[in-house]
Amino acid sequence: MSKAPGPVAEEGSQSHQDTPGAQVGHASTVRSLQGEVDQLTLVMRRFALFIGLTLGLSTGLMVRADQSLPFAQTKAANLARMRAESLNGGLGAYRAAGCMYETGGTSCLASKTSEGFLFRFEGGPPGWEQQTPPRPSLETSVLVSKDGDRILEVPYNGPLR
């Protein structure tokens, strides 16, 4: 069985793509698509600029808010909390009050003097703050140097007074 030959282009004839009308249509489509791509690129650049400015401003505001709190106080609060955890059996047995997990432990800061930061807070077994009502079993006072680098004294660590 022989196959019938398909359409054969005659010599000297042009294919559909080679016709001048097709080239003009193709060129205008390419120009139209390029214009859409350029517009999309412009929109994306503006969006990126907007996001960048938004993040930059919000980060700047957060940094400014944190600058009002001395970095030494943040270090001091962390050091005081870790000392209480160590003195009372570690994290498996003891949790300091939630205020000691706040940046700078501001709610637990009893005093700030030229000597340093004095933190006074409650603590107890893990989950004590989630009980209703919360039932702390320990109280701790820790004095940390004014640069936040050293424990100067632990004036009290024992049962609630």
N, C-alpha and C. Protein backbone atom coordinates (compact mmCIF):
# COMPACT_ATOMS: atom_id res chain seq x y z
N MET A 1 0.84 -1.16 0.00
CA MET A 1 0.00 0.00 0.00
C MET A 1 0.89 1.23 0.00
N SER A 2 0.63 2.11 -0.89
CA SER A 2 1.46 3.30 -0.96
C SER A 2 0.72 4.47 -0.36
N LYS A 3 1.50 5.36 0.23
CA LYS A 3 0.92 6.55 0.86
C LYS A 3 0.74 7.63 -0.17
N ALA A 4 -0.36 8.34 -0.02
CA ALA A 4 -0.59 9.46 -0.93
C ALA A 4 0.24 10.62 -0.45
N PRO A 5 0.92 11.31 -1.35
CA PRO A 5 1.74 12.44 -0.93
C PRO A 5 0.87 13.55 -0.39
N GLY A 6 1.38 14.25 0.65
CA GLY A 6 0.66 15.38 1.24
C GLY A 6 0.79 16.58 0.34
N PRO A 7 0.20 17.69 0.76
CA PRO A 7 0.29 18.88 -0.06
C PRO A 7 1.74 19.30 -0.21
N VAL A 8 2.09 19.61 -1.39
CA VAL A 8 3.46 20.00 -1.70
C VAL A 8 3.42 21.46 -2.11
N ALA A 9 4.31 22.23 -1.51
CA ALA A 9 4.35 23.65 -1.88
C ALA A 9 4.98 23.77 -3.24
N GLU A 10 4.38 24.59 -4.01
CA GLU A 10 4.93 24.80 -5.34
C GLU A 10 6.16 25.66 -5.24
N GLU A 11 7.06 25.43 -6.16
CA GLU A 11 8.29 26.18 -6.16
C GLU A 11 7.98 27.64 -6.40
N GLY A 12 8.57 28.50 -5.61
CA GLY A 12 8.36 29.93 -5.77
C GLY A 12 7.21 30.45 -4.92
N SER A 13 6.41 29.57 -4.30
CA SER A 13 5.32 30.08 -3.45
C SER A 13 5.88 30.34 -2.05
N GLN A 14 5.22 31.20 -1.27
CA GLN A 14 5.66 31.54 0.08
C GLN A 14 4.77 30.84 1.09
N SER A 15 5.35 30.44 2.20
CA SER A 15 4.53 29.86 3.26
C SER A 15 3.78 31.00 3.95
N HIS A 16 2.85 30.62 4.83
CA HIS A 16 2.02 31.60 5.53
C HIS A 16 2.87 32.57 6.36
N GLN A 17 3.93 32.04 6.95
CA GLN A 17 4.76 32.90 7.82
C GLN A 17 5.63 33.84 7.01
N ASP A 18 5.85 33.53 5.77
CA ASP A 18 6.72 34.37 4.98
C ASP A 18 5.99 35.51 4.30
N THR A 19 4.69 35.57 4.46
CA THR A 19 3.93 36.63 3.78
C THR A 19 4.09 37.93 4.53
N PRO A 20 4.14 39.05 3.82
CA PRO A 20 4.34 40.35 4.47
C PRO A 20 3.26 40.66 5.49
N GLY A 21 2.02 40.30 5.28
CA GLY A 21 0.93 40.59 6.23
C GLY A 21 1.13 39.86 7.54
N ALA A 22 1.63 38.61 7.49
CA ALA A 22 1.86 37.83 8.70
C ALA A 22 2.99 38.46 9.51
N GLN A 23 4.03 38.99 8.83
CA GLN A 23 5.14 39.60 9.54
C GLN A 23 4.69 40.86 10.27
N VAL A 24 3.83 41.64 9.67
CA VAL A 24 3.33 42.86 10.30
C VAL A 24 2.51 42.49 11.52
N GLY A 25 1.65 41.48 11.39
CA GLY A 25 0.82 41.04 12.53
C GLY A 25 1.69 40.52 13.66
N HIS A 26 2.69 39.76 13.30
CA HIS A 26 3.61 39.20 14.30
C HIS A 26 4.36 40.32 15.02
N ALA A 27 4.84 41.29 14.29
CA ALA A 27 5.59 42.40 14.88
C ALA A 27 4.71 43.21 15.81
N SER A 28 3.47 43.46 15.45
CA SER A 28 2.59 44.25 16.32
C SER A 28 2.24 43.46 17.58
N THR A 29 2.12 42.14 17.45
CA THR A 29 1.85 41.31 18.63
C THR A 29 3.04 41.34 19.57
N VAL A 30 4.24 41.25 19.03
CA VAL A 30 5.45 41.30 19.85
C VAL A 30 5.56 42.64 20.55
N ARG A 31 5.30 43.74 19.80
CA ARG A 31 5.34 45.08 20.42
C ARG A 31 4.29 45.19 21.52
N SER A 32 3.12 44.66 21.30
CA SER A 32 2.05 44.72 22.29
C SER A 32 2.44 43.94 23.55
N LEU A 33 2.97 42.73 23.34
CA LEU A 33 3.41 41.93 24.49
C LEU A 33 4.56 42.59 25.22
N GLN A 34 5.49 43.18 24.50
CA GLN A 34 6.62 43.87 25.13
C GLN A 34 6.12 45.04 25.97
N GLY A 35 5.10 45.75 25.47
CA GLY A 35 4.52 46.85 26.23
C GLY A 35 3.88 46.36 27.53
N GLU A 36 3.20 45.21 27.46
CA GLU A 36 2.59 44.64 28.66
C GLU A 36 3.65 44.19 29.66
N VAL A 37 4.73 43.59 29.15
CA VAL A 37 5.83 43.17 30.02
C VAL A 37 6.46 44.39 30.69
N ASP A 38 6.66 45.47 29.93
CA ASP A 38 7.24 46.69 30.50
C ASP A 38 6.34 47.25 31.59
N GLN A 39 5.03 47.25 31.37
CA GLN A 39 4.09 47.75 32.38
C GLN A 39 4.12 46.87 33.62
N LEU A 40 4.14 45.56 33.43
CA LEU A 40 4.20 44.64 34.56
C LEU A 40 5.49 44.83 35.34
N THR A 41 6.60 45.02 34.63
CA THR A 41 7.89 45.25 35.28
C THR A 41 7.83 46.52 36.12
N LEU A 42 7.24 47.56 35.59
CA LEU A 42 7.11 48.83 36.32
C LEU A 42 6.26 48.64 37.57
N VAL A 43 5.15 47.93 37.44
CA VAL A 43 4.28 47.68 38.60
C VAL A 43 5.04 46.88 39.66
N MET A 44 5.77 45.85 39.24
CA MET A 44 6.52 45.03 40.19
C MET A 44 7.62 45.84 40.88
N ARG A 45 8.29 46.72 40.15
CA ARG A 45 9.32 47.56 40.76
C ARG A 45 8.71 48.51 41.79
N ARG A 46 7.56 49.08 41.46
CA ARG A 46 6.88 49.96 42.41
C ARG A 46 6.44 49.19 43.65
N PHE A 47 5.93 47.98 43.44
CA PHE A 47 5.50 47.14 44.56
C PHE A 47 6.69 46.81 45.46
N ALA A 48 7.80 46.43 44.85
CA ALA A 48 9.01 46.11 45.62
C ALA A 48 9.48 47.33 46.41
N LEU A 49 9.43 48.50 45.80
CA LEU A 49 9.81 49.73 46.48
C LEU A 49 8.88 49.99 47.66
N PHE A 50 7.59 49.81 47.44
CA PHE A 50 6.59 50.01 48.50
C PHE A 50 6.87 49.06 49.67
N ILE A 51 7.08 47.78 49.37
CA ILE A 51 7.35 46.80 50.43
C ILE A 51 8.64 47.15 51.16
N GLY A 52 9.66 47.52 50.41
CA GLY A 52 10.93 47.89 51.02
C GLY A 52 10.79 49.08 51.96
N LEU A 53 10.06 50.09 51.50
CA LEU A 53 9.85 51.27 52.35
C LEU A 53 9.04 50.91 53.58
N THR A 54 8.01 50.10 53.40
CA THR A 54 7.17 49.71 54.53
C THR A 54 7.97 48.95 55.57
N LEU A 55 8.74 47.96 55.13
CA LEU A 55 9.56 47.20 56.07
C LEU A 55 10.63 48.07 56.71
N GLY A 56 11.22 48.93 55.92
CA GLY A 56 12.26 49.82 56.45
C GLY A 56 11.73 50.74 57.53
N LEU A 57 10.56 51.30 57.28
CA LEU A 57 9.97 52.20 58.27
C LEU A 57 9.56 51.45 59.52
N SER A 58 8.93 50.28 59.36
CA SER A 58 8.49 49.54 60.54
C SER A 58 9.68 49.05 61.35
N THR A 59 10.73 48.61 60.68
CA THR A 59 11.94 48.18 61.38
C THR A 59 12.57 49.37 62.10
N GLY A 60 12.60 50.51 61.44
CA GLY A 60 13.15 51.71 62.06
C GLY A 60 12.39 52.10 63.31
N LEU A 61 11.06 51.96 63.27
CA LEU A 61 10.26 52.29 64.44
C LEU A 61 10.51 51.30 65.56
N MET A 62 10.65 50.02 65.23
CA MET A 62 10.92 49.02 66.26
C MET A 62 12.27 49.26 66.89
N VAL A 63 13.27 49.57 66.09
CA VAL A 63 14.61 49.82 66.62
C VAL A 63 14.56 51.04 67.53
N ARG A 64 13.86 52.09 67.10
CA ARG A 64 13.75 53.29 67.93
C ARG A 64 13.08 52.99 69.26
N ALA A 65 12.03 52.14 69.24
CA ALA A 65 11.33 51.80 70.47
C ALA A 65 12.24 51.02 71.41
N ASP A 66 13.05 50.09 70.87
CA ASP A 66 13.95 49.30 71.69
C ASP A 66 15.12 50.13 72.22
N GLN A 67 15.47 51.22 71.55
CA GLN A 67 16.59 52.03 71.99
C GLN A 67 16.28 52.75 73.30
N SER A 68 15.00 52.92 73.63
CA SER A 68 14.66 53.58 74.88
C SER A 68 14.98 52.67 76.07
N LEU A 69 15.11 51.37 75.82
CA LEU A 69 15.45 50.41 76.85
C LEU A 69 16.95 50.11 76.75
N PRO A 70 17.70 50.36 77.81
CA PRO A 70 19.14 50.11 77.73
C PRO A 70 19.44 48.64 77.43
N PHE A 71 20.39 48.40 76.54
CA PHE A 71 20.77 47.03 76.20
C PHE A 71 21.25 46.29 77.44
N ALA A 72 21.91 47.00 78.35
CA ALA A 72 22.40 46.38 79.58
C ALA A 72 21.25 45.80 80.39
N GLN A 73 20.08 46.43 80.35
CA GLN A 73 18.93 45.93 81.11
C GLN A 73 18.44 44.60 80.51
N THR A 74 18.45 44.51 79.19
CA THR A 74 18.04 43.27 78.54
C THR A 74 18.99 42.14 78.93
N LYS A 75 20.28 42.42 78.88
CA LYS A 75 21.28 41.41 79.28
C LYS A 75 21.10 41.04 80.75
N ALA A 76 20.87 42.05 81.59
CA ALA A 76 20.74 41.82 83.03
C ALA A 76 19.53 40.92 83.33
N ALA A 77 18.42 41.19 82.67
CA ALA A 77 17.21 40.38 82.90
C ALA A 77 17.46 38.93 82.50
N ASN A 78 18.10 38.72 81.37
CA ASN A 78 18.40 37.35 80.94
C ASN A 78 19.33 36.65 81.92
N LEU A 79 20.32 37.36 82.39
CA LEU A 79 21.28 36.79 83.33
C LEU A 79 20.59 36.44 84.66
N ALA A 80 19.73 37.34 85.15
CA ALA A 80 19.00 37.10 86.41
C ALA A 80 18.07 35.88 86.26
N ARG A 81 17.37 35.78 85.17
CA ARG A 81 16.45 34.65 84.94
C ARG A 81 17.23 33.34 84.89
N MET A 82 18.34 33.35 84.15
CA MET A 82 19.14 32.12 84.04
C MET A 82 19.74 31.71 85.39
N ARG A 83 20.11 32.68 86.23
CA ARG A 83 20.63 32.34 87.57
C ARG A 83 19.54 31.69 88.40
N ALA A 84 18.33 32.23 88.34
CA ALA A 84 17.21 31.64 89.10
C ALA A 84 16.92 30.23 88.59
N GLU A 85 16.97 30.04 87.29
CA GLU A 85 16.73 28.70 86.73
C GLU A 85 17.79 27.73 87.23
N SER A 86 19.02 28.17 87.25
CA SER A 86 20.13 27.32 87.70
C SER A 86 20.01 26.99 89.19
N LEU A 87 19.70 27.99 90.01
CA LEU A 87 19.58 27.78 91.46
C LEU A 87 18.42 26.87 91.83
N ASN A 88 17.40 26.83 90.99
CA ASN A 88 16.18 26.11 91.35
C ASN A 88 15.96 24.83 90.56
N GLY A 89 17.03 24.24 90.06
CA GLY A 89 16.92 22.92 89.46
C GLY A 89 16.85 22.85 87.95
N GLY A 90 17.01 23.97 87.26
CA GLY A 90 16.98 23.96 85.80
C GLY A 90 15.57 24.04 85.24
N LEU A 91 15.48 24.13 83.93
CA LEU A 91 14.17 24.31 83.28
C LEU A 91 13.25 23.10 83.43
N GLY A 92 13.80 21.94 83.70
CA GLY A 92 12.95 20.76 83.91
C GLY A 92 12.16 20.84 85.21
N ALA A 93 12.64 21.64 86.17
CA ALA A 93 12.01 21.72 87.48
C ALA A 93 11.47 23.12 87.82
N TYR A 94 11.87 24.13 87.07
CA TYR A 94 11.57 25.51 87.48
C TYR A 94 11.31 26.40 86.28
N ARG A 95 10.35 27.31 86.45
CA ARG A 95 10.10 28.37 85.46
C ARG A 95 9.94 29.69 86.21
N ALA A 96 10.68 30.70 85.74
CA ALA A 96 10.54 32.05 86.30
C ALA A 96 9.22 32.64 85.81
N ALA A 97 8.77 33.67 86.48
CA ALA A 97 7.54 34.37 86.08
C ALA A 97 7.68 34.90 84.66
N GLY A 98 6.56 35.01 83.97
CA GLY A 98 6.53 35.48 82.59
C GLY A 98 7.20 36.82 82.39
N CYS A 99 7.18 37.67 83.41
CA CYS A 99 7.80 38.99 83.28
C CYS A 99 9.29 38.90 83.01
N MET A 100 9.90 37.79 83.41
CA MET A 100 11.34 37.63 83.17
C MET A 100 11.64 37.19 81.75
N TYR A 101 10.61 36.88 80.99
CA TYR A 101 10.78 36.53 79.57
C TYR A 101 10.47 37.72 78.67
N GLU A 102 10.00 38.82 79.26
CA GLU A 102 9.78 40.05 78.49
C GLU A 102 11.14 40.68 78.22
N THR A 103 11.25 41.43 77.14
CA THR A 103 12.50 42.12 76.85
C THR A 103 12.83 43.08 77.99
N GLY A 104 13.95 42.88 78.62
CA GLY A 104 14.39 43.76 79.70
C GLY A 104 13.75 43.46 81.04
N GLY A 105 12.83 42.49 81.10
CA GLY A 105 12.19 42.12 82.37
C GLY A 105 11.57 43.30 83.11
N THR A 106 11.06 44.26 82.35
CA THR A 106 10.59 45.53 82.95
C THR A 106 9.58 45.35 84.07
N SER A 107 8.66 44.42 83.93
CA SER A 107 7.64 44.23 84.97
C SER A 107 8.22 43.65 86.25
N CYS A 108 9.36 42.99 86.17
CA CYS A 108 10.00 42.38 87.35
C CYS A 108 11.14 43.24 87.90
N LEU A 109 11.42 44.36 87.26
CA LEU A 109 12.52 45.21 87.70
C LEU A 109 12.10 45.96 88.96
N ALA A 110 12.72 45.60 90.10
CA ALA A 110 12.38 46.24 91.37
C ALA A 110 13.07 47.59 91.50
N SER A 111 14.32 47.69 91.01
CA SER A 111 15.01 48.98 91.06
C SER A 111 16.17 48.99 90.07
N LYS A 112 16.50 50.19 89.66
CA LYS A 112 17.64 50.41 88.77
C LYS A 112 18.42 51.56 89.39
N THR A 113 19.63 51.26 89.86
CA THR A 113 20.45 52.27 90.54
C THR A 113 21.83 52.31 89.89
N SER A 114 22.70 53.15 90.45
CA SER A 114 24.06 53.22 89.93
C SER A 114 24.81 51.91 90.18
N GLU A 115 24.32 51.12 91.13
CA GLU A 115 24.94 49.83 91.42
C GLU A 115 24.56 48.78 90.37
N GLY A 116 23.31 48.83 89.92
CA GLY A 116 22.87 47.85 88.93
C GLY A 116 21.36 47.67 88.90
N PHE A 117 20.93 46.54 88.39
CA PHE A 117 19.52 46.21 88.22
C PHE A 117 19.12 45.15 89.24
N LEU A 118 18.06 45.43 90.01
CA LEU A 118 17.54 44.46 90.96
C LEU A 118 16.22 43.93 90.43
N PHE A 119 16.19 42.62 90.17
CA PHE A 119 14.97 41.97 89.70
C PHE A 119 14.39 41.15 90.84
N ARG A 120 13.07 41.24 91.02
CA ARG A 120 12.38 40.47 92.03
C ARG A 120 11.20 39.79 91.33
N PHE A 121 11.15 38.46 91.41
CA PHE A 121 10.11 37.73 90.68
C PHE A 121 9.80 36.40 91.35
N GLU A 122 8.65 35.88 90.99
CA GLU A 122 8.20 34.59 91.50
C GLU A 122 8.55 33.50 90.49
N GLY A 123 8.43 32.26 90.95
CA GLY A 123 8.69 31.13 90.07
C GLY A 123 8.10 29.88 90.68
N GLY A 124 8.25 28.80 89.97
CA GLY A 124 7.72 27.53 90.45
C GLY A 124 7.91 26.44 89.42
N PRO A 125 7.26 25.30 89.64
CA PRO A 125 7.41 24.20 88.67
C PRO A 125 6.81 24.58 87.32
N PRO A 126 7.27 23.94 86.25
CA PRO A 126 6.70 24.25 84.93
C PRO A 126 5.17 24.18 84.94
N GLY A 127 4.55 25.18 84.37
CA GLY A 127 3.09 25.23 84.30
C GLY A 127 2.41 25.98 85.44
N TRP A 128 3.19 26.47 86.41
CA TRP A 128 2.55 27.12 87.55
C TRP A 128 1.75 28.35 87.15
N GLU A 129 2.19 29.10 86.15
CA GLU A 129 1.46 30.31 85.74
C GLU A 129 0.17 29.98 84.99
N GLN A 130 0.08 28.77 84.43
CA GLN A 130 -1.12 28.40 83.68
C GLN A 130 -2.21 27.86 84.60
N GLN A 131 -1.89 27.59 85.86
CA GLN A 131 -2.90 27.11 86.80
C GLN A 131 -3.86 28.25 87.12
N THR A 132 -5.09 27.87 87.51
CA THR A 132 -6.07 28.89 87.90
C THR A 132 -6.42 28.68 89.36
N PRO A 133 -6.05 29.61 90.21
CA PRO A 133 -5.15 30.75 90.00
C PRO A 133 -3.70 30.27 89.94
N PRO A 134 -2.81 31.10 89.38
CA PRO A 134 -1.39 30.72 89.32
C PRO A 134 -0.85 30.47 90.74
N ARG A 135 -0.05 29.41 90.91
CA ARG A 135 0.48 29.06 92.23
C ARG A 135 2.00 29.01 92.24
N PRO A 136 2.66 30.17 92.38
CA PRO A 136 4.12 30.15 92.47
C PRO A 136 4.53 29.55 93.81
N SER A 137 5.72 28.99 93.86
CA SER A 137 6.20 28.40 95.12
C SER A 137 7.50 29.06 95.59
N LEU A 138 8.12 29.83 94.72
CA LEU A 138 9.40 30.43 95.07
C LEU A 138 9.41 31.92 94.74
N GLU A 139 10.30 32.62 95.42
CA GLU A 139 10.54 34.04 95.13
C GLU A 139 12.05 34.21 95.00
N THR A 140 12.46 35.02 94.04
CA THR A 140 13.89 35.24 93.82
C THR A 140 14.16 36.72 93.62
N SER A 141 15.25 37.19 94.20
CA SER A 141 15.76 38.54 93.97
C SER A 141 17.19 38.38 93.47
N VAL A 142 17.51 39.08 92.38
CA VAL A 142 18.86 39.00 91.81
C VAL A 142 19.32 40.41 91.48
N LEU A 143 20.51 40.76 91.93
CA LEU A 143 21.12 42.06 91.62
C LEU A 143 22.20 41.82 90.56
N VAL A 144 22.06 42.52 89.43
CA VAL A 144 22.98 42.38 88.31
C VAL A 144 23.71 43.71 88.10
N SER A 145 24.96 43.65 87.71
CA SER A 145 25.77 44.86 87.49
C SER A 145 25.10 45.79 86.48
N LYS A 146 25.47 47.07 86.55
CA LYS A 146 24.84 48.07 85.68
C LYS A 146 25.14 47.86 84.20
N ASP A 147 26.21 47.11 83.88
CA ASP A 147 26.49 46.81 82.47
C ASP A 147 25.79 45.52 82.02
N GLY A 148 25.14 44.83 82.97
CA GLY A 148 24.38 43.63 82.64
C GLY A 148 25.23 42.39 82.45
N ASP A 149 26.49 42.45 82.86
CA ASP A 149 27.41 41.35 82.59
C ASP A 149 27.66 40.39 83.76
N ARG A 150 27.36 40.84 85.01
CA ARG A 150 27.71 40.01 86.17
C ARG A 150 26.60 40.01 87.22
N ILE A 151 26.45 38.86 87.85
CA ILE A 151 25.56 38.77 89.01
C ILE A 151 26.35 39.32 90.19
N LEU A 152 25.82 40.33 90.84
CA LEU A 152 26.51 40.90 92.01
C LEU A 152 26.08 40.18 93.29
N GLU A 153 24.80 39.83 93.34
CA GLU A 153 24.29 39.23 94.56
C GLU A 153 22.92 38.58 94.29
N VAL A 154 22.62 37.53 95.07
CA VAL A 154 21.27 36.95 95.06
C VAL A 154 20.78 37.12 96.50
N PRO A 155 20.15 38.28 96.76
CA PRO A 155 19.73 38.57 98.14
C PRO A 155 18.69 37.59 98.68
N TYR A 156 17.88 37.01 97.80
CA TYR A 156 16.89 36.05 98.28
C TYR A 156 16.53 35.07 97.18
N ASN A 157 16.43 33.81 97.58
CA ASN A 157 15.93 32.75 96.70
C ASN A 157 15.35 31.67 97.61
N GLY A 158 14.05 31.69 97.74
CA GLY A 158 13.42 30.73 98.64
C GLY A 158 11.92 30.76 98.53
N PRO A 159 11.25 30.24 99.57
CA PRO A 159 9.77 30.20 99.57
C PRO A 159 9.19 31.62 99.52
N LEU A 160 7.96 31.72 99.03
CA LEU A 160 7.30 33.02 98.99
C LEU A 160 7.27 33.63 100.39
N ARG A 161 7.49 34.94 100.45
CA ARG A 161 7.48 35.62 101.75
C ARG A 161 6.17 36.37 101.90
